Amino acid sequence: MSEVRKAVSSRLAKVEGHVKSIKKMTDEGRSYEDILLQMAAVRKALQSAEKVIFSEQMKDMVVSGEFDQKRVDSFIK
C-alpha cells in the first residue's frame, strides 16, 4: 500500500473511532457539548484526509501533463 493510501486509511480509522464514540456518547446521554466536540473532530479528520487525496491528485495531474482547468474543476466539485 502506498504511503498516501496509508495516510488516508489512518485518518479514516480516526473518523471511524470518533463516529463510534459519538454513537456511544449519544446512547449514554452525554452532553451535547461533548458530542459536538467529537463531531468537530470527525470533520477535522475528514478534511485532513481530503487534503491528502487532493494534494496527491494534483501532483498526479501535473506529472501526467493532464493539468487543465476543466479537469481541476471537475475534481473540486
Protein backbone atom coordinates (compact mmCIF):
# COMPACT_ATOMS: atom_id res chain seq x y z
CA MET A 1 0.00 0.00 0.00
CA SER A 2 1.35 3.44 -0.89
CA GLU A 3 2.26 5.96 1.77
CA VAL A 4 -0.59 8.20 0.63
CA ARG A 5 -3.14 5.41 0.98
CA LYS A 6 -1.74 4.53 4.41
CA ALA A 7 -2.10 8.17 5.48
CA VAL A 8 -5.69 8.33 4.23
CA SER A 9 -6.52 4.97 5.82
CA SER A 10 -5.11 6.17 9.14
CA ARG A 11 -7.20 9.31 9.05
CA LEU A 12 -10.33 7.35 8.15
CA ALA A 13 -9.69 4.98 11.06
CA LYS A 14 -9.71 8.04 13.31
CA VAL A 15 -13.02 9.12 11.79
CA GLU A 16 -14.45 5.66 12.41
CA GLY A 17 -13.35 5.77 16.04
CA HIS A 18 -14.82 9.21 16.56
CA VAL A 19 -18.15 8.21 14.99
CA LYS A 20 -18.37 5.14 17.23
CA SER A 21 -17.62 7.38 20.18
CA ILE A 22 -20.35 9.82 19.14
CA LYS A 23 -22.90 6.99 18.92
CA LYS A 24 -21.90 5.69 22.34
CA MET A 25 -22.00 9.17 23.86
CA THR A 26 -25.46 9.76 22.40
CA ASP A 27 -26.73 6.42 23.71
CA GLU A 28 -25.32 7.22 27.16
CA GLY A 29 -26.97 10.63 27.24
CA ARG A 30 -23.72 12.60 27.33
CA SER A 31 -23.88 16.36 26.96
CA TYR A 32 -24.46 17.90 23.56
CA GLU A 33 -21.32 19.95 24.07
CA ASP A 34 -19.23 16.76 24.32
CA ILE A 35 -20.98 15.28 21.30
CA LEU A 36 -20.40 18.43 19.25
CA LEU A 37 -16.70 18.36 20.15
CA GLN A 38 -16.46 14.81 18.80
CA MET A 39 -18.31 15.84 15.65
CA ALA A 40 -15.79 18.64 15.15
CA ALA A 41 -13.01 16.05 15.44
CA VAL A 42 -14.70 13.97 12.72
CA ARG A 43 -14.89 16.98 10.40
CA LYS A 44 -11.24 17.80 11.01
CA ALA A 45 -10.14 14.21 10.34
CA LEU A 46 -12.18 14.08 7.12
CA GLN A 47 -10.75 17.41 5.98
CA SER A 48 -7.27 16.10 6.67
CA ALA A 49 -7.93 13.01 4.53
CA GLU A 50 -9.39 15.22 1.79
CA LYS A 51 -6.25 17.38 1.76
CA VAL A 52 -4.01 14.34 1.36
CA ILE A 53 -6.12 12.97 -1.51
CA PHE A 54 -6.47 16.35 -3.21
CA SER A 55 -2.75 17.04 -2.96
CA GLU A 56 -1.87 13.66 -4.42
CA GLN A 57 -4.37 14.09 -7.25
CA MET A 58 -2.93 17.48 -8.14
CA LYS A 59 0.61 16.03 -8.17
CA ASP A 60 -0.56 13.21 -10.45
CA MET A 61 -2.19 15.70 -12.82
CA VAL A 62 0.95 17.81 -13.07
CA VAL A 63 3.26 14.81 -13.58
CA SER A 64 1.00 13.26 -16.21
CA GLY A 65 0.52 16.57 -18.02
CA GLU A 66 -3.25 16.34 -17.59
CA PHE A 67 -3.45 19.52 -15.53
CA ASP A 68 -6.14 21.55 -17.23
CA GLN A 69 -8.77 23.80 -15.70
CA LYS A 70 -11.72 21.65 -16.75
CA ARG A 71 -10.27 18.56 -15.07
CA VAL A 72 -9.34 20.50 -11.94
CA ASP A 73 -12.84 21.98 -11.74
CA SER A 74 -14.45 18.55 -12.07
CA PHE A 75 -12.24 17.19 -9.30
CA ILE A 76 -13.02 20.06 -6.96
CA LYS A 77 -16.78 19.74 -7.37
